[in-house]
Amino acid sequence: MAKTTNGKLTHRPGKGYIRDIGYKLNAQGNPSSPRFLLGHDKQAAMLANARLESLWAIIKRQNDEMNQQHWDGPPSKPHWDKLTLSIAHAIRKGKASITVPPAPPENTTGPHDDDSYATW
């Protein structure tokens, strides 16, 4: 039997603390809610949950700002992308930092060397 601790963070025996937050797009482009397993330690899970909520709030705010700037089409809905999901999973694991691979250079036909990445 699942036990809810605060209406959002759920504890399940054998699985620990679980949080479903936000949306990601599946292979068909449909939204689905990712599930974050936050471990068995209640304090660590509550801290990770608060950080996930903060990150999701930033994603929603940035999406709202983008919709205001580009109002010529239907508004987009906030969702986790590859980068923000990797940050969320680092938070889930209790990490304070992650290594983000450099973005590819804008000129994909040019050389892919360190100088190209230096201006990124």
PDB file of N, CA and C in Angstrom:
ATOM      1  N   MET A   1       0.848  -1.185   0.000  1.00  0.00           N
ATOM      2  CA  MET A   1       0.000   0.000   0.000  1.00  0.00           C
ATOM      3  C   MET A   1       0.887   1.240   0.000  1.00  0.00           C
ATOM      4  N   ALA A   2       0.638   2.148  -0.907  1.00  0.00           N
ATOM      5  CA  ALA A   2       1.425   3.377  -0.999  1.00  0.00           C
ATOM      6  C   ALA A   2       1.018   4.344   0.107  1.00  0.00           C
ATOM      7  N   LYS A   3       2.004   5.035   0.622  1.00  0.00           N
ATOM      8  CA  LYS A   3       1.748   6.033   1.666  1.00  0.00           C
ATOM      9  C   LYS A   3       2.243   7.383   1.157  1.00  0.00           C
ATOM     10  N   THR A   4       1.375   8.369   1.092  1.00  0.00           N
ATOM     11  CA  THR A   4       1.762   9.690   0.635  1.00  0.00           C
ATOM     12  C   THR A   4       2.242  10.511   1.817  1.00  0.00           C
ATOM     13  N   THR A   5       3.397  11.171   1.655  1.00  0.00           N
ATOM     14  CA  THR A   5       3.943  11.955   2.757  1.00  0.00           C
ATOM     15  C   THR A   5       3.544  13.419   2.689  1.00  0.00           C
ATOM     16  N   ASN A   6       3.395  13.971   1.485  1.00  0.00           N
ATOM     17  CA  ASN A   6       3.035  15.387   1.400  1.00  0.00           C
ATOM     18  C   ASN A   6       2.134  15.689   0.202  1.00  0.00           C
ATOM     19  N   GLY A   7       1.481  14.691  -0.334  1.00  0.00           N
ATOM     20  CA  GLY A   7       0.615  14.905  -1.482  1.00  0.00           C
ATOM     21  C   GLY A   7       1.338  14.784  -2.808  1.00  0.00           C
ATOM     22  N   LYS A   8       2.659  14.802  -2.795  1.00  0.00           N
ATOM     23  CA  LYS A   8       3.424  14.718  -4.030  1.00  0.00           C
ATOM     24  C   LYS A   8       4.501  13.642  -3.958  1.00  0.00           C
ATOM     25  N   LEU A   9       5.136  13.532  -2.818  1.00  0.00           N
ATOM     26  CA  LEU A   9       6.191  12.551  -2.599  1.00  0.00           C
ATOM     27  C   LEU A   9       5.545  11.305  -2.005  1.00  0.00           C
ATOM     28  N   THR A  10       5.730  10.172  -2.648  1.00  0.00           N
ATOM     29  CA  THR A  10       5.082   8.936  -2.233  1.00  0.00           C
ATOM     30  C   THR A  10       6.124   7.934  -1.750  1.00  0.00           C
ATOM     31  N   HIS A  11       5.797   7.217  -0.696  1.00  0.00           N
ATOM     32  CA  HIS A  11       6.674   6.144  -0.221  1.00  0.00           C
ATOM     33  C   HIS A  11       6.010   4.813  -0.531  1.00  0.00           C
ATOM     34  N   ARG A  12       6.771   3.928  -1.173  1.00  0.00           N
ATOM     35  CA  ARG A  12       6.275   2.585  -1.464  1.00  0.00           C
ATOM     36  C   ARG A  12       7.235   1.575  -0.855  1.00  0.00           C
ATOM     37  N   PRO A  13       6.722   0.692  -0.022  1.00  0.00           N
ATOM     38  CA  PRO A  13       7.588  -0.318   0.590  1.00  0.00           C
ATOM     39  C   PRO A  13       8.352  -1.098  -0.480  1.00  0.00           C
ATOM     40  N   GLY A  14       9.633  -1.249  -0.259  1.00  0.00           N
ATOM     41  CA  GLY A  14      10.480  -1.966  -1.208  1.00  0.00           C
ATOM     42  C   GLY A  14      11.035  -1.096  -2.318  1.00  0.00           C
ATOM     43  N   LYS A  15      10.387   0.014  -2.616  1.00  0.00           N
ATOM     44  CA  LYS A  15      10.846   0.914  -3.674  1.00  0.00           C
ATOM     45  C   LYS A  15      11.375   2.227  -3.127  1.00  0.00           C
ATOM     46  N   GLY A  16      10.941   2.611  -1.956  1.00  0.00           N
ATOM     47  CA  GLY A  16      11.382   3.868  -1.371  1.00  0.00           C
ATOM     48  C   GLY A  16      10.484   5.022  -1.772  1.00  0.00           C
ATOM     49  N   TYR A  17      11.059   6.206  -1.772  1.00  0.00           N
ATOM     50  CA  TYR A  17      10.311   7.425  -2.086  1.00  0.00           C
ATOM     51  C   TYR A  17      10.299   7.648  -3.591  1.00  0.00           C
ATOM     52  N   ILE A  18       9.134   8.019  -4.092  1.00  0.00           N
ATOM     53  CA  ILE A  18       8.913   8.175  -5.530  1.00  0.00           C
ATOM     54  C   ILE A  18       8.257   9.521  -5.780  1.00  0.00           C
ATOM     55  N   ARG A  19       8.661  10.169  -6.872  1.00  0.00           N
ATOM     56  CA  ARG A  19       8.026  11.432  -7.261  1.00  0.00           C
ATOM     57  C   ARG A  19       7.803  11.446  -8.760  1.00  0.00           C
ATOM     58  N   ASP A  20       6.578  11.706  -9.175  1.00  0.00           N
ATOM     59  CA  ASP A  20       6.235  11.964 -10.572  1.00  0.00           C
ATOM     60  C   ASP A  20       6.067  13.467 -10.689  1.00  0.00           C
ATOM     61  N   ILE A  21       6.836  14.082 -11.575  1.00  0.00           N
ATOM     62  CA  ILE A  21       6.740  15.541 -11.722  1.00  0.00           C
ATOM     63  C   ILE A  21       7.027  15.920 -13.168  1.00  0.00           C
ATOM     64  N   GLY A  22       6.222  16.820 -13.687  1.00  0.00           N
ATOM     65  CA  GLY A  22       6.429  17.337 -15.027  1.00  0.00           C
ATOM     66  C   GLY A  22       6.047  16.349 -16.110  1.00  0.00           C
ATOM     67  N   TYR A  23       6.501  16.669 -17.324  1.00  0.00           N
ATOM     68  CA  TYR A  23       6.191  15.855 -18.493  1.00  0.00           C
ATOM     69  C   TYR A  23       7.419  15.749 -19.368  1.00  0.00           C
ATOM     70  N   LYS A  24       7.560  14.610 -20.021  1.00  0.00           N
ATOM     71  CA  LYS A  24       8.555  14.450 -21.068  1.00  0.00           C
ATOM     72  C   LYS A  24       7.803  13.950 -22.289  1.00  0.00           C
ATOM     73  N   LEU A  25       8.391  14.121 -23.449  1.00  0.00           N
ATOM     74  CA  LEU A  25       7.746  13.668 -24.674  1.00  0.00           C
ATOM     75  C   LEU A  25       8.276  12.286 -25.027  1.00  0.00           C
ATOM     76  N   ASN A  26       7.355  11.348 -25.284  1.00  0.00           N
ATOM     77  CA  ASN A  26       7.785  10.007 -25.662  1.00  0.00           C
ATOM     78  C   ASN A  26       8.160   9.985 -27.144  1.00  0.00           C
ATOM     79  N   ALA A  27       8.491   8.826 -27.669  1.00  0.00           N
ATOM     80  CA  ALA A  27       8.955   8.703 -29.059  1.00  0.00           C
ATOM     81  C   ALA A  27       7.913   9.200 -30.059  1.00  0.00           C
ATOM     82  N   GLN A  28       6.637   9.129 -29.702  1.00  0.00           N
ATOM     83  CA  GLN A  28       5.566   9.597 -30.590  1.00  0.00           C
ATOM     84  C   GLN A  28       5.251  11.076 -30.395  1.00  0.00           C
ATOM     85  N   GLY A  29       5.956  11.730 -29.467  1.00  0.00           N
ATOM     86  CA  GLY A  29       5.718  13.144 -29.205  1.00  0.00           C
ATOM     87  C   GLY A  29       4.592  13.409 -28.222  1.00  0.00           C
ATOM     88  N   ASN A  30       4.100  12.356 -27.573  1.00  0.00           N
ATOM     89  CA  ASN A  30       3.031  12.507 -26.589  1.00  0.00           C
ATOM     90  C   ASN A  30       3.628  12.704 -25.198  1.00  0.00           C
ATOM     91  N   PRO A  31       2.986  13.523 -24.363  1.00  0.00           N
ATOM     92  CA  PRO A  31       3.528  13.754 -23.018  1.00  0.00           C
ATOM     93  C   PRO A  31       3.310  12.553 -22.097  1.00  0.00           C
ATOM     94  N   SER A  32       4.313  12.289 -21.284  1.00  0.00           N
ATOM     95  CA  SER A  32       4.200  11.279 -20.232  1.00  0.00           C
ATOM     96  C   SER A  32       4.930  11.818 -19.008  1.00  0.00           C
ATOM     97  N   SER A  33       4.531  11.367 -17.851  1.00  0.00           N
ATOM     98  CA  SER A  33       5.120  11.876 -16.615  1.00  0.00           C
ATOM     99  C   SER A  33       6.279  10.981 -16.192  1.00  0.00           C
ATOM    100  N   PRO A  34       7.491  11.544 -16.094  1.00  0.00           N
ATOM    101  CA  PRO A  34       8.615  10.718 -15.653  1.00  0.00           C
ATOM    102  C   PRO A  34       8.521  10.428 -14.158  1.00  0.00           C
ATOM    103  N   ARG A  35       8.994   9.272 -13.772  1.00  0.00           N
ATOM    104  CA  ARG A  35       8.991   8.865 -12.366  1.00  0.00           C
ATOM    105  C   ARG A  35      10.427   8.903 -11.859  1.00  0.00           C
ATOM    106  N   PHE A  36      10.620   9.587 -10.744  1.00  0.00           N
ATOM    107  CA  PHE A  36      11.937   9.698 -10.130  1.00  0.00           C
ATOM    108  C   PHE A  36      11.950   8.887  -8.839  1.00  0.00           C
ATOM    109  N   LEU A  37      12.835   7.900  -8.778  1.00  0.00           N
ATOM    110  CA  LEU A  37      13.012   7.091  -7.578  1.00  0.00           C
ATOM    111  C   LEU A  37      14.041   7.796  -6.708  1.00  0.00           C
ATOM    112  N   LEU A  38      13.627   8.217  -5.518  1.00  0.00           N
ATOM    113  CA  LEU A  38      14.457   9.077  -4.675  1.00  0.00           C
ATOM    114  C   LEU A  38      15.116   8.353  -3.507  1.00  0.00           C
ATOM    115  N   GLY A  39      15.034   7.041  -3.466  1.00  0.00           N
ATOM    116  CA  GLY A  39      15.717   6.279  -2.429  1.00  0.00           C
ATOM    117  C   GLY A  39      14.864   6.042  -1.199  1.00  0.00           C
ATOM    118  N   HIS A  40      15.504   5.492  -0.168  1.00  0.00           N
ATOM    119  CA  HIS A  40      14.794   5.083   1.042  1.00  0.00           C
ATOM    120  C   HIS A  40      14.957   6.057   2.203  1.00  0.00           C
ATOM    121  N   ASP A  41      15.899   6.972   2.115  1.00  0.00           N
ATOM    122  CA  ASP A  41      16.132   7.940   3.193  1.00  0.00           C
ATOM    123  C   ASP A  41      15.156   9.104   3.038  1.00  0.00           C
ATOM    124  N   LYS A  42      14.304   9.293   4.038  1.00  0.00           N
ATOM    125  CA  LYS A  42      13.248  10.310   3.939  1.00  0.00           C
ATOM    126  C   LYS A  42      13.814  11.720   3.786  1.00  0.00           C
ATOM    127  N   GLN A  43      14.810  12.083   4.581  1.00  0.00           N
ATOM    128  CA  GLN A  43      15.372  13.445   4.511  1.00  0.00           C
ATOM    129  C   GLN A  43      16.012  13.705   3.149  1.00  0.00           C
ATOM    130  N   ALA A  44      16.786  12.734   2.649  1.00  0.00           N
ATOM    131  CA  ALA A  44      17.423  12.895   1.338  1.00  0.00           C
ATOM    132  C   ALA A  44      16.365  12.977   0.237  1.00  0.00           C
ATOM    133  N   ALA A  45      15.308  12.173   0.360  1.00  0.00           N
ATOM    134  CA  ALA A  45      14.234  12.199  -0.633  1.00  0.00           C
ATOM    135  C   ALA A  45      13.505  13.538  -0.616  1.00  0.00           C
ATOM    136  N   MET A  46      13.268  14.079   0.574  1.00  0.00           N
ATOM    137  CA  MET A  46      12.591  15.376   0.674  1.00  0.00           C
ATOM    138  C   MET A  46      13.451  16.487   0.073  1.00  0.00           C
ATOM    139  N   LEU A  47      14.764  16.429   0.295  1.00  0.00           N
ATOM    140  CA  LEU A  47      15.664  17.421  -0.290  1.00  0.00           C
ATOM    141  C   LEU A  47      15.684  17.295  -1.813  1.00  0.00           C
ATOM    142  N   ALA A  48      15.810  16.071  -2.316  1.00  0.00           N
ATOM    143  CA  ALA A  48      15.801  15.857  -3.766  1.00  0.00           C
ATOM    144  C   ALA A  48      14.476  16.317  -4.363  1.00  0.00           C
ATOM    145  N   ASN A  49      13.372  16.035  -3.678  1.00  0.00           N
ATOM    146  CA  ASN A  49      12.059  16.456  -4.148  1.00  0.00           C
ATOM    147  C   ASN A  49      11.967  17.980  -4.249  1.00  0.00           C
ATOM    148  N   ALA A  50      12.454  18.680  -3.238  1.00  0.00           N
ATOM    149  CA  ALA A  50      12.428  20.151  -3.262  1.00  0.00           C
ATOM    150  C   ALA A  50      13.261  20.679  -4.430  1.00  0.00           C
ATOM    151  N   ARG A  51      14.399  20.049  -4.683  1.00  0.00           N
ATOM    152  CA  ARG A  51      15.248  20.489  -5.797  1.00  0.00           C
ATOM    153  C   ARG A  51      14.599  20.184  -7.142  1.00  0.00           C
ATOM    154  N   LEU A  52      13.942  19.036  -7.255  1.00  0.00           N
ATOM    155  CA  LEU A  52      13.224  18.714  -8.491  1.00  0.00           C
ATOM    156  C   LEU A  52      12.094  19.710  -8.729  1.00  0.00           C
ATOM    157  N   GLU A  53      11.378  20.074  -7.668  1.00  0.00           N
ATOM    158  CA  GLU A  53      10.307  21.064  -7.805  1.00  0.00           C
ATOM    159  C   GLU A  53      10.861  22.405  -8.259  1.00  0.00           C
ATOM    160  N   SER A  54      12.016  22.800  -7.738  1.00  0.00           N
ATOM    161  CA  SER A  54      12.638  24.068  -8.148  1.00  0.00           C
ATOM    162  C   SER A  54      13.046  24.020  -9.612  1.00  0.00           C
ATOM    163  N   LEU A  55      13.646  22.908 -10.017  1.00  0.00           N
ATOM    164  CA  LEU A  55      14.056  22.768 -11.418  1.00  0.00           C
ATOM    165  C   LEU A  55      12.844  22.785 -12.338  1.00  0.00           C
ATOM    166  N   TRP A  56      11.776  22.080 -11.965  1.00  0.00           N
ATOM    167  CA  TRP A  56      10.571  22.067 -12.791  1.00  0.00           C
ATOM    168  C   TRP A  56       9.948  23.469 -12.867  1.00  0.00           C
ATOM    169  N   ALA A  57       9.998  24.226 -11.788  1.00  0.00           N
ATOM    170  CA  ALA A  57       9.479  25.605 -11.795  1.00  0.00           C
ATOM    171  C   ALA A  57      10.272  26.463 -12.780  1.00  0.00           C
ATOM    172  N   ILE A  58      11.582  26.262 -12.843  1.00  0.00           N
ATOM    173  CA  ILE A  58      12.418  27.002 -13.804  1.00  0.00           C
ATOM    174  C   ILE A  58      12.028  26.624 -15.227  1.00  0.00           C
ATOM    175  N   ILE A  59      11.837  25.340 -15.482  1.00  0.00           N
ATOM    176  CA  ILE A  59      11.447  24.874 -16.820  1.00  0.00           C
ATOM    177  C   ILE A  59      10.118  25.500 -17.219  1.00  0.00           C
ATOM    178  N   LYS A  60       9.150  25.518 -16.295  1.00  0.00           N
ATOM    179  CA  LYS A  60       7.846  26.117 -16.599  1.00  0.00           C
ATOM    180  C   LYS A  60       7.972  27.611 -16.867  1.00  0.00           C
ATOM    181  N   ARG A  61       8.784  28.310 -16.055  1.00  0.00           N
ATOM    182  CA  ARG A  61       8.955  29.754 -16.238  1.00  0.00           C
ATOM    183  C   ARG A  61       9.616  30.052 -17.586  1.00  0.00           C
ATOM    184  N   GLN A  62      10.648  29.298 -17.938  1.00  0.00           N
ATOM    185  CA  GLN A  62      11.307  29.510 -19.228  1.00  0.00           C
ATOM    186  C   GLN A  62      10.355  29.224 -20.380  1.00  0.00           C
ATOM    187  N   ASN A  63       9.518  28.215 -20.236  1.00  0.00           N
ATOM    188  CA  ASN A  63       8.543  27.904 -21.268  1.00  0.00           C
ATOM    189  C   ASN A  63       7.534  29.042 -21.415  1.00  0.00           C
ATOM    190  N   ASP A  64       7.078  29.595 -20.292  1.00  0.00           N
ATOM    191  CA  ASP A  64       6.150  30.728 -20.340  1.00  0.00           C
ATOM    192  C   ASP A  64       6.783  31.926 -21.037  1.00  0.00           C
ATOM    193  N   GLU A  65       8.056  32.203 -20.715  1.00  0.00           N
ATOM    194  CA  GLU A  65       8.760  33.320 -21.356  1.00  0.00           C
ATOM    195  C   GLU A  65       8.903  33.085 -22.852  1.00  0.00           C
ATOM    196  N   MET A  66       9.211  31.852 -23.245  1.00  0.00           N
ATOM    197  CA  MET A  66       9.344  31.526 -24.665  1.00  0.00           C
ATOM    198  C   MET A  66       8.011  31.703 -25.378  1.00  0.00           C
ATOM    199  N   ASN A  67       6.923  31.280 -24.744  1.00  0.00           N
ATOM    200  CA  ASN A  67       5.599  31.438 -25.345  1.00  0.00           C
ATOM    201  C   ASN A  67       5.243  32.908 -25.516  1.00  0.00           C
ATOM    202  N   GLN A  68       5.654  33.766 -24.582  1.00  0.00           N
ATOM    203  CA  GLN A  68       5.371  35.195 -24.695  1.00  0.00           C
ATOM    204  C   GLN A  68       6.167  35.831 -25.833  1.00  0.00           C
ATOM    205  N   GLN A  69       7.380  35.365 -26.060  1.00  0.00           N
ATOM    206  CA  GLN A  69       8.222  35.925 -27.118  1.00  0.00           C
ATOM    207  C   GLN A  69       7.790  35.448 -28.499  1.00  0.00           C
ATOM    208  N   HIS A  70       7.277  34.241 -28.581  1.00  0.00           N
ATOM    209  CA  HIS A  70       6.899  33.645 -29.867  1.00  0.00           C
ATOM    210  C   HIS A  70       5.409  33.338 -29.849  1.00  0.00           C
ATOM    211  N   TRP A  71       4.612  34.375 -29.938  1.00  0.00           N
ATOM    212  CA  TRP A  71       3.170  34.234 -29.786  1.00  0.00           C
ATOM    213  C   TRP A  71       2.451  34.006 -31.101  1.00  0.00           C
ATOM    214  N   ASP A  72       3.178  33.741 -32.196  1.00  0.00           N
ATOM    215  CA  ASP A  72       2.540  33.588 -33.498  1.00  0.00           C
ATOM    216  C   ASP A  72       1.963  32.188 -33.727  1.00  0.00           C
ATOM    217  N   GLY A  73       2.152  31.265 -32.828  1.00  0.00           N
ATOM    218  CA  GLY A  73       1.609  29.915 -32.964  1.00  0.00           C
ATOM    219  C   GLY A  73       0.989  29.468 -31.658  1.00  0.00           C
ATOM    220  N   PRO A  74       0.547  28.231 -31.628  1.00  0.00           N
ATOM    221  CA  PRO A  74      -0.024  27.738 -30.372  1.00  0.00           C
ATOM    222  C   PRO A  74       1.057  27.656 -29.300  1.00  0.00           C
ATOM    223  N   PRO A  75       0.709  27.930 -28.061  1.00  0.00           N
ATOM    224  CA  PRO A  75       1.722  27.883 -26.997  1.00  0.00           C
ATOM    225  C   PRO A  75       2.225  26.457 -26.789  1.00  0.00           C
ATOM    226  N   SER A  76       3.506  26.357 -26.503  1.00  0.00           N
ATOM    227  CA  SER A  76       4.068  25.040 -26.198  1.00  0.00           C
ATOM    228  C   SER A  76       3.857  24.748 -24.716  1.00  0.00           C
ATOM    229  N   LYS A  77       3.884  23.487 -24.381  1.00  0.00           N
ATOM    230  CA  LYS A  77       3.731  23.084 -22.984  1.00  0.00           C
ATOM    231  C   LYS A  77       5.109  22.747 -22.428  1.00  0.00           C
ATOM    232  N   PRO A  78       5.342  23.049 -21.155  1.00  0.00           N
ATOM    233  CA  PRO A  78       6.657  22.746 -20.581  1.00  0.00           C
ATOM    234  C   PRO A  78       6.891  21.236 -20.545  1.00  0.00           C
ATOM    235  N   HIS A  79       8.138  20.842 -20.781  1.00  0.00           N
ATOM    236  CA  HIS A  79       8.495  19.429 -20.705  1.00  0.00           C
ATOM    237  C   HIS A  79       9.989  19.282 -20.437  1.00  0.00           C
ATOM    238  N   TRP A  80      10.351  18.145 -19.872  1.00  0.00           N
ATOM    239  CA  TRP A  80      11.749  17.822 -19.652  1.00  0.00           C
ATOM    240  C   TRP A  80      12.379  17.526 -21.010  1.00  0.00           C
ATOM    241  N   ASP A  81      13.578  18.042 -21.243  1.00  0.00           N
ATOM    242  CA  ASP A  81      14.335  17.654 -22.430  1.00  0.00           C
ATOM    243  C   ASP A  81      15.524  16.811 -21.973  1.00  0.00           C
ATOM    244  N   LYS A  82      16.372  16.435 -22.900  1.00  0.00           N
ATOM    245  CA  LYS A  82      17.496  15.553 -22.569  1.00  0.00           C
ATOM    246  C   LYS A  82      18.391  16.163 -21.486  1.00  0.00           C
ATOM    247  N   LEU A  83      18.698  17.449 -21.613  1.00  0.00           N
ATOM    248  CA  LEU A  83      19.573  18.108 -20.644  1.00  0.00           C
ATOM    249  C   LEU A  83      18.912  18.215 -19.274  1.00  0.00           C
ATOM    250  N   THR A  84      17.669  18.706 -19.231  1.00  0.00           N
ATOM    251  CA  THR A  84      17.028  18.889 -17.931  1.00  0.00           C
ATOM    252  C   THR A  84      16.738  17.551 -17.249  1.00  0.00           C
ATOM    253  N   LEU A  85      16.472  16.500 -18.038  1.00  0.00           N
ATOM    254  CA  LEU A  85      16.298  15.177 -17.437  1.00  0.00           C
ATOM    255  C   LEU A  85      17.598  14.668 -16.838  1.00  0.00           C
ATOM    256  N   SER A  86      18.724  14.952 -17.498  1.00  0.00           N
ATOM    257  CA  SER A  86      20.007  14.515 -16.936  1.00  0.00           C
ATOM    258  C   SER A  86      20.293  15.265 -15.634  1.00  0.00           C
ATOM    259  N   ILE A  87      19.923  16.539 -15.577  1.00  0.00           N
ATOM    260  CA  ILE A  87      20.079  17.302 -14.330  1.00  0.00           C
ATOM    261  C   ILE A  87      19.161  16.716 -13.254  1.00  0.00           C
ATOM    262  N   ALA A  88      17.921  16.406 -13.629  1.00  0.00           N
ATOM    263  CA  ALA A  88      16.966  15.837 -12.672  1.00  0.00           C
ATOM    264  C   ALA A  88      17.456  14.498 -12.123  1.00  0.00           C
ATOM    265  N   HIS A  89      18.033  13.672 -12.974  1.00  0.00           N
ATOM    266  CA  HIS A  89      18.531  12.376 -12.503  1.00  0.00           C
ATOM    267  C   HIS A  89      19.744  12.550 -11.594  1.00  0.00           C
ATOM    268  N   ALA A  90      20.562  13.565 -11.851  1.00  0.00           N
ATOM    269  CA  ALA A  90      21.675  13.855 -10.935  1.00  0.00           C
ATOM    270  C   ALA A  90      21.130  14.295  -9.576  1.00  0.00           C
ATOM    271  N   ILE A  91      20.099  15.129  -9.588  1.00  0.00           N
ATOM    272  CA  ILE A  91      19.450  15.554  -8.339  1.00  0.00           C
ATOM    273  C   ILE A  91      18.894  14.336  -7.614  1.00  0.00           C
ATOM    274  N   ARG A  92      18.248  13.462  -8.355  1.00  0.00           N
ATOM    275  CA  ARG A  92      17.655  12.250  -7.785  1.00  0.00           C
ATOM    276  C   ARG A  92      18.698  11.408  -7.061  1.00  0.00           C
ATOM    277  N   LYS A  93      19.904  11.387  -7.607  1.00  0.00           N
ATOM    278  CA  LYS A  93      20.990  10.596  -7.018  1.00  0.00           C
ATOM    279  C   LYS A  93      21.736  11.345  -5.920  1.00  0.00           C
ATOM    280  N   GLY A  94      21.339  12.600  -5.655  1.00  0.00           N
ATOM    281  CA  GLY A  94      21.977  13.377  -4.602  1.00  0.00           C
ATOM    282  C   GLY A  94      23.252  14.077  -5.027  1.00  0.00           C
ATOM    283  N   LYS A  95      23.507  14.146  -6.325  1.00  0.00           N
ATOM    284  CA  LYS A  95      24.723  14.797  -6.812  1.00  0.00           C
ATOM    285  C   LYS A  95      24.562  16.310  -6.777  1.00  0.00           C
ATOM    286  N   ALA A  96      25.674  16.994  -6.522  1.00  0.00           N
ATOM    287  CA  ALA A  96      25.660  18.459  -6.475  1.00  0.00           C
ATOM    288  C   ALA A  96      26.025  19.063  -7.822  1.00  0.00           C
ATOM    289  N   SER A  97      26.614  18.271  -8.717  1.00  0.00           N
ATOM    290  CA  SER A  97      26.993  18.786 -10.036  1.00  0.00           C
ATOM    291  C   SER A  97      26.967  17.645 -11.045  1.00  0.00           C
ATOM    292  N   ILE A  98      26.914  18.023 -12.313  1.00  0.00           N
ATOM    293  CA  ILE A  98      26.988  17.036 -13.388  1.00  0.00           C
ATOM    294  C   ILE A  98      27.918  17.571 -14.463  1.00  0.00           C
ATOM    295  N   THR A  99      28.393  16.686 -15.304  1.00  0.00           N
ATOM    296  CA  THR A  99      29.189  17.077 -16.460  1.00  0.00           C
ATOM    297  C   THR A  99      28.264  17.103 -17.665  1.00  0.00           C
ATOM    298  N   VAL A 100      28.208  18.243 -18.312  1.00  0.00           N
ATOM    299  CA  VAL A 100      27.358  18.408 -19.485  1.00  0.00           C
ATOM    300  C   VAL A 100      28.251  18.388 -20.714  1.00  0.00           C
ATOM    301  N   PRO A 101      27.972  17.510 -21.671  1.00  0.00           N
ATOM    302  CA  PRO A 101      28.800  17.502 -22.872  1.00  0.00           C
ATOM    303  C   PRO A 101      28.636  18.811 -23.633  1.00  0.00           C
ATOM    304  N   PRO A 102      29.690  19.261 -24.299  1.00  0.00           N
ATOM    305  CA  PRO A 102      29.571  20.514 -25.040  1.00  0.00           C
ATOM    306  C   PRO A 102      28.587  20.377 -26.196  1.00  0.00           C
ATOM    307  N   ALA A 103      27.933  21.466 -26.487  1.00  0.00           N
ATOM    308  CA  ALA A 103      27.020  21.487 -27.625  1.00  0.00           C
ATOM    309  C   ALA A 103      27.840  21.429 -28.903  1.00  0.00           C
ATOM    310  N   PRO A 104      27.303  20.821 -29.942  1.00  0.00           N
ATOM    311  CA  PRO A 104      28.041  20.815 -31.202  1.00  0.00           C
ATOM    312  C   PRO A 104      28.140  22.233 -31.745  1.00  0.00           C
ATOM    313  N   PRO A 105      29.189  22.512 -32.504  1.00  0.00           N
ATOM    314  CA  PRO A 105      29.307  23.853 -33.072  1.00  0.00           C
ATOM    315  C   PRO A 105      28.125  24.144 -33.992  1.00  0.00           C
ATOM    316  N   GLU A 106      27.761  25.416 -34.072  1.00  0.00           N
ATOM    317  CA  GLU A 106      26.627  25.789 -34.921  1.00  0.00           C
ATOM    318  C   GLU A 106      26.912  25.488 -36.382  1.00  0.00           C
ATOM    319  N   ASN A 107      28.154  25.656 -36.782  1.00  0.00           N
ATOM    320  CA  ASN A 107      28.542  25.363 -38.156  1.00  0.00           C
ATOM    321  C   ASN A 107      28.931  23.891 -38.214  1.00  0.00           C
ATOM    322  N   THR A 108      27.989  23.034 -38.567  1.00  0.00           N
ATOM    323  CA  THR A 108      28.267  21.603 -38.554  1.00  0.00           C
ATOM    324  C   THR A 108      29.102  21.157 -39.739  1.00  0.00           C
ATOM    325  N   THR A 109      29.309  22.030 -40.723  1.00  0.00           N
ATOM    326  CA  THR A 109      30.133  21.652 -41.870  1.00  0.00           C
ATOM    327  C   THR A 109      31.598  21.984 -41.638  1.00  0.00           C
ATOM    328  N   GLY A 110      31.883  22.793 -40.627  1.00  0.00           N
ATOM    329  CA  GLY A 110      33.257  23.191 -40.340  1.00  0.00           C
ATOM    330  C   GLY A 110      33.973  22.177 -39.476  1.00  0.00           C
ATOM    331  N   PRO A 111      35.218  22.476 -39.127  1.00  0.00           N
ATOM    332  CA  PRO A 111      35.987  21.548 -38.297  1.00  0.00           C
ATOM    333  C   PRO A 111      35.410  21.454 -36.884  1.00  0.00           C
ATOM    334  N   HIS A 112      35.502  20.293 -36.303  1.00  0.00           N
ATOM    335  CA  HIS A 112      35.009  20.066 -34.944  1.00  0.00           C
ATOM    336  C   HIS A 112      36.213  19.924 -34.027  1.00  0.00           C
ATOM    337  N   ASP A 113      36.815  21.043 -33.706  1.00  0.00           N
ATOM    338  CA  ASP A 113      38.009  21.017 -32.871  1.00  0.00           C
ATOM    339  C   ASP A 113      37.781  21.831 -31.608  1.00  0.00           C
ATOM    340  N   ASP A 114      38.785  21.871 -30.742  1.00  0.00           N
ATOM    341  CA  ASP A 114      38.656  22.590 -29.476  1.00  0.00           C
ATOM    342  C   ASP A 114      38.376  24.070 -29.670  1.00  0.00           C
ATOM    343  N   ASP A 115      38.918  24.679 -30.726  1.00  0.00           N
ATOM    344  CA  ASP A 115      38.673  26.101 -30.969  1.00  0.00           C
ATOM    345  C   ASP A 115      37.201  26.364 -31.264  1.00  0.00           C
ATOM    346  N   SER A 116      36.546  25.431 -31.940  1.00  0.00           N
ATOM    347  CA  SER A 116      35.118  25.598 -32.224  1.00  0.00           C
ATOM    348  C   SER A 116      34.309  25.587 -30.939  1.00  0.00           C
ATOM    349  N   TYR A 117      34.695  24.724 -30.010  1.00  0.00           N
ATOM    350  CA  TYR A 117      33.977  24.642 -28.751  1.00  0.00           C
ATOM    351  C   TYR A 117      34.307  25.798 -27.820  1.00  0.00           C
ATOM    352  N   ALA A 118      35.454  26.414 -28.002  1.00  0.00           N
ATOM    353  CA  ALA A 118      35.873  27.499 -27.110  1.00  0.00           C
ATOM    354  C   ALA A 118      34.935  28.691 -27.197  1.00  0.00           C
ATOM    355  N   THR A 119      34.295  28.883 -28.333  1.00  0.00           N
ATOM    356  CA  THR A 119      33.384  30.018 -28.500  1.00  0.00           C
ATOM    357  C   THR A 119      31.950  29.666 -28.136  1.00  0.00           C
ATOM    358  N   TRP A 120      31.701  28.454 -27.702  1.00  0.00           N
ATOM    359  CA  TRP A 120      30.352  28.029 -27.350  1.00  0.00           C
ATOM    360  C   TRP A 120      29.894  28.654 -26.073  1.00  0.00           C
TER     361      TRP A 120
END
